[in-house]
Amino acid sequence: MNRTVRAVLTLGALGGAAGTARAQGTLASITVDAVVINQTMTITTLRDLAFGTVIKGVATTILPTAANSGEWEVAGSANAFATITLALPTVLNNIQALPGSTMPVSFSATSALWRRSTNNPAGATAFDPSVGVTNARFGPPPSPFIYIWLGGSVNPALTAKPGIYTGVVIVTVFYT
């Protein structure tokens, strides 16, 4: 027997003589970590999408970069990722005419923009509002915000009744 084996056997025998068995083995470890985020999130409407006065039979389009596009500010956890979805109307309802008076409203694949930290649509990322965004990211401190802009198009029929037409867009943002 070589000395190493003999030493182990001797220690094992001594441990057994004392009435305590000692196991031999190797150790391994892992690191455990977690990132705690502030689950609080607030969405503030900064501006409604306003088509203004439109003419019967003439389509009107508002770009998401326009001063009268819809805009939201979302405050959340710095650098956290989020998903943005929008529930979009297909018609606007005339609130001054008889029920059923509607005007079509549509949104293209580039009708929406999002941007982290900076409240300026120049340089923002375009997205299809009917699909949403799965990789939006809140800005770093001190500006943990996402800004969202929405444009669209209306096309009042030649027979459209005069009046104020309204609809609702619901924006939902959640952490991913």
N, C-alpha and C. Protein backbone atom coordinates (compact mmCIF):
# COMPACT_ATOMS: atom_id res chain seq x y z
N MET A 1 0.83 -1.19 0.00
CA MET A 1 0.00 0.00 0.00
C MET A 1 0.87 1.25 0.00
N ASN A 2 0.37 2.26 -0.66
CA ASN A 2 1.17 3.48 -0.62
C ASN A 2 0.75 4.31 0.59
N ARG A 3 1.50 5.34 0.88
CA ARG A 3 1.29 6.11 2.11
C ARG A 3 -0.05 6.84 2.15
N THR A 4 -0.51 7.35 1.01
CA THR A 4 -1.77 8.09 0.98
C THR A 4 -2.93 7.20 1.35
N VAL A 5 -2.97 6.05 0.80
CA VAL A 5 -4.05 5.11 1.10
C VAL A 5 -3.97 4.68 2.55
N ARG A 6 -2.79 4.40 3.03
CA ARG A 6 -2.61 3.98 4.41
C ARG A 6 -3.08 5.07 5.37
N ALA A 7 -2.82 6.33 5.06
CA ALA A 7 -3.21 7.43 5.93
C ALA A 7 -4.72 7.54 6.00
N VAL A 8 -5.39 7.36 4.87
CA VAL A 8 -6.85 7.43 4.84
C VAL A 8 -7.43 6.28 5.64
N LEU A 9 -6.88 5.10 5.47
CA LEU A 9 -7.38 3.96 6.23
C LEU A 9 -7.15 4.14 7.72
N THR A 10 -6.05 4.71 8.06
CA THR A 10 -5.74 4.91 9.47
C THR A 10 -6.71 5.93 10.07
N LEU A 11 -6.97 7.03 9.36
CA LEU A 11 -7.91 8.03 9.86
C LEU A 11 -9.32 7.45 9.94
N GLY A 12 -9.67 6.66 8.95
CA GLY A 12 -10.98 6.02 8.97
C GLY A 12 -11.11 5.08 10.15
N ALA A 13 -10.07 4.36 10.44
CA ALA A 13 -10.11 3.44 11.57
C ALA A 13 -10.20 4.20 12.88
N LEU A 14 -9.48 5.31 12.98
CA LEU A 14 -9.53 6.09 14.21
C LEU A 14 -10.91 6.73 14.39
N GLY A 15 -11.49 7.21 13.28
CA GLY A 15 -12.82 7.79 13.36
C GLY A 15 -13.83 6.76 13.79
N GLY A 16 -13.71 5.55 13.31
CA GLY A 16 -14.63 4.49 13.67
C GLY A 16 -14.44 4.10 15.11
N ALA A 17 -13.21 4.13 15.60
CA ALA A 17 -12.94 3.76 16.97
C ALA A 17 -13.58 4.74 17.93
N ALA A 18 -13.71 6.01 17.50
CA ALA A 18 -14.31 7.00 18.37
C ALA A 18 -15.83 6.95 18.28
N GLY A 19 -16.38 6.11 17.42
CA GLY A 19 -17.82 5.97 17.29
C GLY A 19 -18.44 6.96 16.31
N THR A 20 -17.66 7.70 15.55
CA THR A 20 -18.18 8.66 14.59
C THR A 20 -17.64 8.32 13.22
N ALA A 21 -18.52 8.12 12.27
CA ALA A 21 -18.08 7.84 10.91
C ALA A 21 -18.00 9.16 10.16
N ARG A 22 -17.00 9.32 9.38
CA ARG A 22 -16.82 10.54 8.60
C ARG A 22 -16.89 10.18 7.12
N ALA A 23 -17.76 10.88 6.40
CA ALA A 23 -17.89 10.64 4.96
C ALA A 23 -16.83 11.44 4.23
N GLN A 24 -16.39 10.89 3.15
CA GLN A 24 -15.41 11.57 2.31
C GLN A 24 -16.09 11.91 1.01
N GLY A 25 -15.79 13.05 0.41
CA GLY A 25 -16.39 13.44 -0.86
C GLY A 25 -15.82 14.75 -1.36
N THR A 26 -16.43 15.22 -2.38
CA THR A 26 -16.01 16.49 -2.97
C THR A 26 -17.12 17.50 -2.78
N LEU A 27 -16.79 18.74 -2.72
CA LEU A 27 -17.77 19.81 -2.55
C LEU A 27 -17.93 20.58 -3.84
N ALA A 28 -19.13 21.04 -4.08
CA ALA A 28 -19.40 21.92 -5.21
C ALA A 28 -20.38 22.97 -4.74
N SER A 29 -20.41 24.10 -5.41
CA SER A 29 -21.33 25.15 -4.98
C SER A 29 -21.86 25.88 -6.21
N ILE A 30 -22.97 26.60 -6.01
CA ILE A 30 -23.52 27.47 -7.04
C ILE A 30 -23.77 28.83 -6.40
N THR A 31 -23.89 29.83 -7.22
CA THR A 31 -24.24 31.16 -6.74
C THR A 31 -25.74 31.35 -6.94
N VAL A 32 -26.38 31.93 -5.98
CA VAL A 32 -27.80 32.24 -6.07
C VAL A 32 -27.94 33.75 -6.07
N ASP A 33 -28.66 34.27 -7.07
CA ASP A 33 -28.87 35.71 -7.09
C ASP A 33 -30.28 36.02 -7.56
N ALA A 34 -30.71 37.22 -7.33
CA ALA A 34 -32.03 37.69 -7.75
C ALA A 34 -31.95 39.19 -7.94
N VAL A 35 -32.70 39.69 -8.89
CA VAL A 35 -32.79 41.12 -9.11
C VAL A 35 -34.18 41.54 -8.64
N VAL A 36 -34.24 42.45 -7.72
CA VAL A 36 -35.51 42.93 -7.21
C VAL A 36 -35.86 44.21 -7.96
N ILE A 37 -37.07 44.23 -8.51
CA ILE A 37 -37.51 45.42 -9.22
C ILE A 37 -38.72 46.01 -8.52
N ASN A 38 -38.93 47.26 -8.76
CA ASN A 38 -40.11 47.93 -8.23
C ASN A 38 -41.28 47.56 -9.13
N GLN A 39 -42.23 46.82 -8.65
CA GLN A 39 -43.35 46.38 -9.47
C GLN A 39 -44.33 47.50 -9.78
N THR A 40 -44.17 48.64 -9.14
CA THR A 40 -45.06 49.75 -9.40
C THR A 40 -44.83 50.28 -10.81
N MET A 41 -45.90 50.47 -11.53
CA MET A 41 -45.83 51.03 -12.87
C MET A 41 -47.03 51.97 -13.02
N THR A 42 -46.80 53.12 -13.62
CA THR A 42 -47.90 54.03 -13.87
C THR A 42 -47.89 54.44 -15.34
N ILE A 43 -49.09 54.56 -15.89
CA ILE A 43 -49.25 55.01 -17.27
C ILE A 43 -50.03 56.32 -17.22
N THR A 44 -49.45 57.34 -17.82
CA THR A 44 -50.08 58.65 -17.84
C THR A 44 -50.35 59.05 -19.29
N THR A 45 -51.58 59.44 -19.58
CA THR A 45 -51.90 59.96 -20.91
C THR A 45 -51.40 61.39 -20.97
N LEU A 46 -50.48 61.65 -21.89
CA LEU A 46 -49.96 63.00 -22.06
C LEU A 46 -50.75 63.79 -23.10
N ARG A 47 -51.33 63.06 -24.08
CA ARG A 47 -52.06 63.75 -25.15
C ARG A 47 -52.97 62.75 -25.86
N ASP A 48 -54.20 63.18 -26.18
CA ASP A 48 -55.12 62.36 -26.96
C ASP A 48 -54.78 62.45 -28.44
N LEU A 49 -55.09 61.40 -29.19
CA LEU A 49 -54.97 61.42 -30.64
C LEU A 49 -56.11 62.29 -31.18
N ALA A 50 -55.75 63.42 -31.80
CA ALA A 50 -56.77 64.39 -32.23
C ALA A 50 -56.68 64.63 -33.73
N PHE A 51 -57.70 64.18 -34.45
CA PHE A 51 -57.75 64.39 -35.90
C PHE A 51 -58.23 65.80 -36.24
N GLY A 52 -58.85 66.48 -35.29
CA GLY A 52 -59.34 67.83 -35.55
C GLY A 52 -60.53 67.80 -36.48
N THR A 53 -60.72 68.87 -37.23
CA THR A 53 -61.82 68.96 -38.19
C THR A 53 -61.45 68.21 -39.45
N VAL A 54 -62.31 67.28 -39.85
CA VAL A 54 -62.08 66.52 -41.08
C VAL A 54 -63.24 66.76 -42.03
N ILE A 55 -62.97 66.59 -43.31
CA ILE A 55 -63.97 66.87 -44.34
C ILE A 55 -64.56 65.55 -44.85
N LYS A 56 -65.87 65.53 -45.05
CA LYS A 56 -66.54 64.34 -45.59
C LYS A 56 -65.86 63.90 -46.87
N GLY A 57 -65.60 62.60 -46.98
CA GLY A 57 -65.02 62.03 -48.19
C GLY A 57 -63.51 62.23 -48.34
N VAL A 58 -62.87 62.84 -47.36
CA VAL A 58 -61.43 63.09 -47.44
C VAL A 58 -60.73 62.38 -46.27
N ALA A 59 -59.86 61.44 -46.62
CA ALA A 59 -59.11 60.71 -45.58
C ALA A 59 -58.12 61.65 -44.91
N THR A 60 -57.94 61.48 -43.62
CA THR A 60 -56.99 62.28 -42.86
C THR A 60 -56.10 61.34 -42.06
N THR A 61 -54.80 61.57 -42.15
CA THR A 61 -53.83 60.73 -41.44
C THR A 61 -53.00 61.59 -40.49
N ILE A 62 -52.82 61.09 -39.29
CA ILE A 62 -51.95 61.72 -38.30
C ILE A 62 -50.77 60.77 -38.09
N LEU A 63 -49.57 61.27 -38.28
CA LEU A 63 -48.38 60.45 -38.04
C LEU A 63 -48.08 60.39 -36.55
N PRO A 64 -47.42 59.33 -36.08
CA PRO A 64 -47.10 59.25 -34.65
C PRO A 64 -46.12 60.33 -34.20
N THR A 65 -45.43 60.97 -35.15
CA THR A 65 -44.48 62.04 -34.81
C THR A 65 -45.16 63.41 -34.78
N ALA A 66 -46.44 63.49 -35.14
CA ALA A 66 -47.15 64.77 -35.20
C ALA A 66 -47.48 65.29 -33.81
N ALA A 67 -47.64 66.60 -33.73
CA ALA A 67 -47.95 67.24 -32.45
C ALA A 67 -49.33 66.85 -31.93
N ASN A 68 -50.21 66.34 -32.78
CA ASN A 68 -51.55 65.93 -32.33
C ASN A 68 -51.73 64.41 -32.30
N SER A 69 -50.60 63.69 -32.29
CA SER A 69 -50.67 62.22 -32.10
C SER A 69 -50.98 61.94 -30.64
N GLY A 70 -51.43 60.71 -30.36
CA GLY A 70 -51.65 60.32 -28.98
C GLY A 70 -50.32 60.02 -28.31
N GLU A 71 -50.22 60.29 -27.02
CA GLU A 71 -48.95 60.04 -26.33
C GLU A 71 -49.19 59.60 -24.89
N TRP A 72 -48.39 58.58 -24.48
CA TRP A 72 -48.40 58.09 -23.10
C TRP A 72 -46.99 58.10 -22.54
N GLU A 73 -46.91 58.28 -21.23
CA GLU A 73 -45.65 58.13 -20.50
C GLU A 73 -45.86 56.99 -19.51
N VAL A 74 -44.95 56.01 -19.55
CA VAL A 74 -45.03 54.87 -18.64
C VAL A 74 -43.83 54.93 -17.72
N ALA A 75 -44.06 55.02 -16.42
CA ALA A 75 -42.98 55.03 -15.43
C ALA A 75 -42.90 53.65 -14.81
N GLY A 76 -41.68 53.12 -14.72
CA GLY A 76 -41.52 51.78 -14.17
C GLY A 76 -40.13 51.57 -13.60
N SER A 77 -39.73 50.34 -13.50
CA SER A 77 -38.44 49.97 -12.93
C SER A 77 -37.33 50.21 -13.95
N ALA A 78 -36.30 50.91 -13.51
CA ALA A 78 -35.19 51.25 -14.40
C ALA A 78 -34.61 50.01 -15.07
N ASN A 79 -34.43 50.09 -16.39
CA ASN A 79 -33.82 49.06 -17.23
C ASN A 79 -34.63 47.77 -17.35
N ALA A 80 -35.82 47.72 -16.78
CA ALA A 80 -36.66 46.52 -16.89
C ALA A 80 -37.23 46.42 -18.30
N PHE A 81 -37.49 45.20 -18.75
CA PHE A 81 -38.11 44.97 -20.05
C PHE A 81 -39.62 44.88 -19.89
N ALA A 82 -40.33 45.28 -20.94
CA ALA A 82 -41.79 45.31 -20.87
C ALA A 82 -42.39 44.95 -22.22
N THR A 83 -43.65 44.55 -22.18
CA THR A 83 -44.45 44.30 -23.37
C THR A 83 -45.53 45.38 -23.44
N ILE A 84 -45.72 45.91 -24.64
CA ILE A 84 -46.74 46.95 -24.85
C ILE A 84 -47.80 46.38 -25.80
N THR A 85 -49.06 46.48 -25.41
CA THR A 85 -50.16 46.09 -26.30
C THR A 85 -51.18 47.23 -26.33
N LEU A 86 -51.86 47.34 -27.46
CA LEU A 86 -52.89 48.36 -27.60
C LEU A 86 -54.17 47.71 -28.12
N ALA A 87 -55.29 48.03 -27.50
CA ALA A 87 -56.60 47.62 -27.99
C ALA A 87 -57.11 48.80 -28.81
N LEU A 88 -57.29 48.57 -30.11
CA LEU A 88 -57.60 49.64 -31.05
C LEU A 88 -59.04 49.57 -31.55
N PRO A 89 -59.70 50.72 -31.66
CA PRO A 89 -61.06 50.71 -32.24
C PRO A 89 -60.98 50.59 -33.76
N THR A 90 -62.04 50.13 -34.37
CA THR A 90 -62.12 50.09 -35.84
C THR A 90 -63.03 51.20 -36.36
N VAL A 91 -63.84 51.76 -35.47
CA VAL A 91 -64.71 52.88 -35.82
C VAL A 91 -64.72 53.89 -34.67
N LEU A 92 -65.04 55.12 -35.03
CA LEU A 92 -65.29 56.17 -34.04
C LEU A 92 -66.80 56.42 -34.06
N ASN A 93 -67.39 56.66 -32.91
CA ASN A 93 -68.83 56.86 -32.80
C ASN A 93 -69.15 58.35 -32.69
N ASN A 94 -70.18 58.78 -33.44
CA ASN A 94 -70.62 60.17 -33.38
C ASN A 94 -71.45 60.33 -32.12
N ILE A 95 -70.99 61.17 -31.20
CA ILE A 95 -71.69 61.33 -29.92
C ILE A 95 -72.80 62.39 -30.01
N GLN A 96 -72.95 63.03 -31.19
CA GLN A 96 -73.99 64.05 -31.35
C GLN A 96 -75.11 63.61 -32.29
N ALA A 97 -74.90 62.55 -33.03
CA ALA A 97 -75.91 62.08 -34.00
C ALA A 97 -76.65 60.88 -33.42
N LEU A 98 -77.56 60.35 -34.20
CA LEU A 98 -78.30 59.16 -33.78
C LEU A 98 -77.34 57.99 -33.59
N PRO A 99 -77.65 57.07 -32.68
CA PRO A 99 -76.79 55.89 -32.49
C PRO A 99 -76.57 55.17 -33.82
N GLY A 100 -75.36 54.67 -34.00
CA GLY A 100 -75.03 53.96 -35.22
C GLY A 100 -74.28 54.81 -36.23
N SER A 101 -74.12 56.09 -35.94
CA SER A 101 -73.35 56.96 -36.82
C SER A 101 -71.87 56.79 -36.49
N THR A 102 -71.15 56.18 -37.42
CA THR A 102 -69.75 55.87 -37.16
C THR A 102 -68.86 56.33 -38.31
N MET A 103 -67.56 56.38 -38.02
CA MET A 103 -66.55 56.71 -39.03
C MET A 103 -65.40 55.72 -38.85
N PRO A 104 -64.92 55.10 -39.93
CA PRO A 104 -63.81 54.15 -39.80
C PRO A 104 -62.51 54.83 -39.35
N VAL A 105 -61.79 54.14 -38.51
CA VAL A 105 -60.46 54.58 -38.09
C VAL A 105 -59.52 53.39 -38.29
N SER A 106 -58.32 53.66 -38.76
CA SER A 106 -57.37 52.56 -39.00
C SER A 106 -55.97 52.94 -38.54
N PHE A 107 -55.18 51.90 -38.35
CA PHE A 107 -53.81 52.07 -37.86
C PHE A 107 -52.90 51.19 -38.71
N SER A 108 -51.84 51.77 -39.25
CA SER A 108 -50.93 51.01 -40.11
C SER A 108 -49.84 50.35 -39.27
N ALA A 109 -49.00 49.58 -39.94
CA ALA A 109 -47.89 48.89 -39.27
C ALA A 109 -46.86 49.85 -38.70
N THR A 110 -46.91 51.12 -39.10
CA THR A 110 -45.96 52.11 -38.58
C THR A 110 -46.67 53.25 -37.87
N SER A 111 -47.88 53.01 -37.40
CA SER A 111 -48.66 54.06 -36.73
C SER A 111 -48.24 54.32 -35.28
N ALA A 112 -47.36 53.49 -34.74
CA ALA A 112 -46.98 53.66 -33.34
C ALA A 112 -45.46 53.71 -33.20
N LEU A 113 -45.02 54.40 -32.15
CA LEU A 113 -43.60 54.51 -31.82
C LEU A 113 -43.44 54.31 -30.32
N TRP A 114 -42.27 53.83 -29.92
CA TRP A 114 -41.93 53.79 -28.50
C TRP A 114 -40.47 54.20 -28.35
N ARG A 115 -40.16 54.75 -27.18
CA ARG A 115 -38.79 55.15 -26.90
C ARG A 115 -38.55 55.13 -25.40
N ARG A 116 -37.37 54.68 -25.01
CA ARG A 116 -37.03 54.67 -23.59
C ARG A 116 -36.41 56.01 -23.20
N SER A 117 -36.69 56.45 -22.02
CA SER A 117 -36.07 57.62 -21.37
C SER A 117 -36.44 58.97 -21.94
N THR A 118 -36.48 59.13 -23.24
CA THR A 118 -36.56 60.45 -23.85
C THR A 118 -37.94 60.72 -24.44
N ASN A 119 -38.55 61.82 -24.02
CA ASN A 119 -39.87 62.21 -24.52
C ASN A 119 -39.71 62.99 -25.82
N ASN A 120 -39.33 62.28 -26.87
CA ASN A 120 -39.18 62.87 -28.20
C ASN A 120 -39.33 61.74 -29.21
N PRO A 121 -40.32 61.82 -30.11
CA PRO A 121 -40.51 60.73 -31.06
C PRO A 121 -39.40 60.61 -32.12
N ALA A 122 -38.58 61.67 -32.28
CA ALA A 122 -37.47 61.58 -33.23
C ALA A 122 -36.48 60.53 -32.71
N GLY A 123 -36.23 59.52 -33.50
CA GLY A 123 -35.33 58.45 -33.08
C GLY A 123 -36.03 57.30 -32.36
N ALA A 124 -37.35 57.38 -32.22
CA ALA A 124 -38.10 56.31 -31.55
C ALA A 124 -38.23 55.11 -32.48
N THR A 125 -38.59 53.97 -31.90
CA THR A 125 -38.74 52.72 -32.64
C THR A 125 -40.19 52.55 -33.09
N ALA A 126 -40.39 52.36 -34.39
CA ALA A 126 -41.74 52.15 -34.92
C ALA A 126 -42.20 50.73 -34.62
N PHE A 127 -43.51 50.58 -34.40
CA PHE A 127 -44.09 49.25 -34.24
C PHE A 127 -45.53 49.25 -34.71
N ASP A 128 -46.01 48.06 -35.03
CA ASP A 128 -47.38 47.88 -35.47
C ASP A 128 -48.27 47.85 -34.22
N PRO A 129 -49.14 48.83 -34.04
CA PRO A 129 -49.95 48.87 -32.82
C PRO A 129 -50.92 47.70 -32.68
N SER A 130 -51.25 47.05 -33.80
CA SER A 130 -52.15 45.90 -33.71
C SER A 130 -51.41 44.65 -33.23
N VAL A 131 -50.08 44.67 -33.27
CA VAL A 131 -49.26 43.55 -32.82
C VAL A 131 -48.64 43.83 -31.45
N GLY A 132 -48.18 45.06 -31.24
CA GLY A 132 -47.55 45.43 -29.99
C GLY A 132 -46.04 45.25 -30.02
N VAL A 133 -45.42 45.39 -28.87
CA VAL A 133 -43.97 45.29 -28.71
C VAL A 133 -43.67 44.35 -27.55
N THR A 134 -42.71 43.45 -27.73
CA THR A 134 -42.36 42.53 -26.64
C THR A 134 -41.02 42.84 -26.01
N ASN A 135 -40.26 43.77 -26.57
CA ASN A 135 -38.91 44.02 -26.04
C ASN A 135 -38.67 45.47 -25.66
N ALA A 136 -39.73 46.19 -25.29
CA ALA A 136 -39.55 47.57 -24.85
C ALA A 136 -38.75 47.56 -23.56
N ARG A 137 -38.02 48.62 -23.32
CA ARG A 137 -37.19 48.67 -22.12
C ARG A 137 -37.28 50.05 -21.48
N PHE A 138 -37.49 50.04 -20.18
CA PHE A 138 -37.52 51.29 -19.44
C PHE A 138 -36.13 51.91 -19.43
N GLY A 139 -36.09 53.22 -19.35
CA GLY A 139 -34.81 53.92 -19.33
C GLY A 139 -34.05 53.69 -18.04
N PRO A 140 -32.76 54.00 -18.08
CA PRO A 140 -31.96 53.87 -16.87
C PRO A 140 -32.23 55.05 -15.93
N PRO A 141 -31.79 54.96 -14.66
CA PRO A 141 -31.94 56.11 -13.77
C PRO A 141 -31.21 57.30 -14.38
N PRO A 142 -31.66 58.48 -14.27
CA PRO A 142 -32.81 58.93 -13.49
C PRO A 142 -34.10 59.01 -14.30
N SER A 143 -34.17 58.38 -15.47
CA SER A 143 -35.36 58.47 -16.34
C SER A 143 -35.92 57.09 -16.66
N PRO A 144 -36.51 56.40 -15.68
CA PRO A 144 -37.04 55.06 -15.93
C PRO A 144 -38.41 55.10 -16.61
N PHE A 145 -38.44 55.63 -17.84
CA PHE A 145 -39.69 55.82 -18.56
C PHE A 145 -39.66 55.13 -19.91
N ILE A 146 -40.86 54.81 -20.41
CA ILE A 146 -41.09 54.45 -21.80
C ILE A 146 -42.14 55.43 -22.30
N TYR A 147 -41.90 56.00 -23.47
CA TYR A 147 -42.87 56.89 -24.10
C TYR A 147 -43.45 56.19 -25.32
N ILE A 148 -44.76 56.36 -25.52
CA ILE A 148 -45.47 55.72 -26.63
C ILE A 148 -46.25 56.79 -27.37
N TRP A 149 -46.16 56.76 -28.71
CA TRP A 149 -46.91 57.69 -29.56
C TRP A 149 -47.77 56.88 -30.52
N LEU A 150 -48.96 57.41 -30.84
CA LEU A 150 -49.87 56.71 -31.75
C LEU A 150 -50.50 57.69 -32.73
N GLY A 151 -50.40 57.35 -34.00
CA GLY A 151 -51.09 58.07 -35.06
C GLY A 151 -52.14 57.14 -35.65
N GLY A 152 -52.78 57.57 -36.72
CA GLY A 152 -53.79 56.74 -37.37
C GLY A 152 -54.45 57.51 -38.50
N SER A 153 -55.47 56.90 -39.08
CA SER A 153 -56.19 57.51 -40.21
C SER A 153 -57.69 57.37 -40.02
N VAL A 154 -58.42 58.40 -40.43
CA VAL A 154 -59.88 58.34 -40.48
C VAL A 154 -60.29 58.64 -41.92
N ASN A 155 -61.44 58.08 -42.30
CA ASN A 155 -61.93 58.28 -43.66
C ASN A 155 -63.45 58.45 -43.61
N PRO A 156 -63.90 59.69 -43.33
CA PRO A 156 -65.34 59.90 -43.23
C PRO A 156 -66.03 59.74 -44.59
N ALA A 157 -67.11 59.03 -44.59
CA ALA A 157 -67.88 58.83 -45.83
C ALA A 157 -68.51 60.15 -46.28
N LEU A 158 -68.85 60.23 -47.55
CA LEU A 158 -69.54 61.42 -48.06
C LEU A 158 -70.88 61.63 -47.36
N THR A 159 -71.44 60.54 -46.82
CA THR A 159 -72.73 60.61 -46.14
C THR A 159 -72.58 60.71 -44.61
N ALA A 160 -71.37 60.93 -44.14
CA ALA A 160 -71.14 61.00 -42.69
C ALA A 160 -71.95 62.15 -42.08
N LYS A 161 -72.54 61.88 -40.95
CA LYS A 161 -73.29 62.92 -40.25
C LYS A 161 -72.31 63.85 -39.54
N PRO A 162 -72.58 65.15 -39.56
CA PRO A 162 -71.71 66.08 -38.84
C PRO A 162 -71.75 65.78 -37.35
N GLY A 163 -70.68 66.08 -36.67
CA GLY A 163 -70.63 65.90 -35.22
C GLY A 163 -69.26 65.48 -34.74
N ILE A 164 -69.20 65.20 -33.47
CA ILE A 164 -67.95 64.80 -32.83
C ILE A 164 -67.91 63.27 -32.77
N TYR A 165 -66.85 62.71 -33.31
CA TYR A 165 -66.67 61.25 -33.32
C TYR A 165 -65.56 60.90 -32.33
N THR A 166 -65.82 59.90 -31.49
CA THR A 166 -64.83 59.51 -30.49
C THR A 166 -64.67 57.99 -30.45
N GLY A 167 -63.56 57.58 -29.90
CA GLY A 167 -63.26 56.17 -29.68
C GLY A 167 -62.26 56.08 -28.54
N VAL A 168 -61.94 54.86 -28.16
CA VAL A 168 -61.02 54.64 -27.05
C VAL A 168 -59.93 53.68 -27.49
N VAL A 169 -58.69 54.04 -27.15
CA VAL A 169 -57.54 53.15 -27.32
C VAL A 169 -57.08 52.80 -25.92
N ILE A 170 -56.91 51.51 -25.66
CA ILE A 170 -56.44 51.08 -24.35
C ILE A 170 -55.02 50.55 -24.50
N VAL A 171 -54.10 51.14 -23.77
CA VAL A 171 -52.71 50.70 -23.79
C VAL A 171 -52.45 49.89 -22.53
N THR A 172 -51.79 48.75 -22.70
CA THR A 172 -51.43 47.89 -21.58
C THR A 172 -49.93 47.65 -21.63
N VAL A 173 -49.26 47.81 -20.51
CA VAL A 173 -47.83 47.57 -20.42
C VAL A 173 -47.60 46.66 -19.22
N PHE A 174 -46.81 45.61 -19.42
CA PHE A 174 -46.46 44.74 -18.29
C PHE A 174 -45.01 44.31 -18.39
N TYR A 175 -44.40 44.01 -17.25
CA TYR A 175 -43.01 43.56 -17.20
C TYR A 175 -42.88 42.19 -17.83
N THR A 176 -41.75 41.98 -18.54
CA THR A 176 -41.50 40.66 -19.11
C THR A 176 -40.22 40.10 -18.55
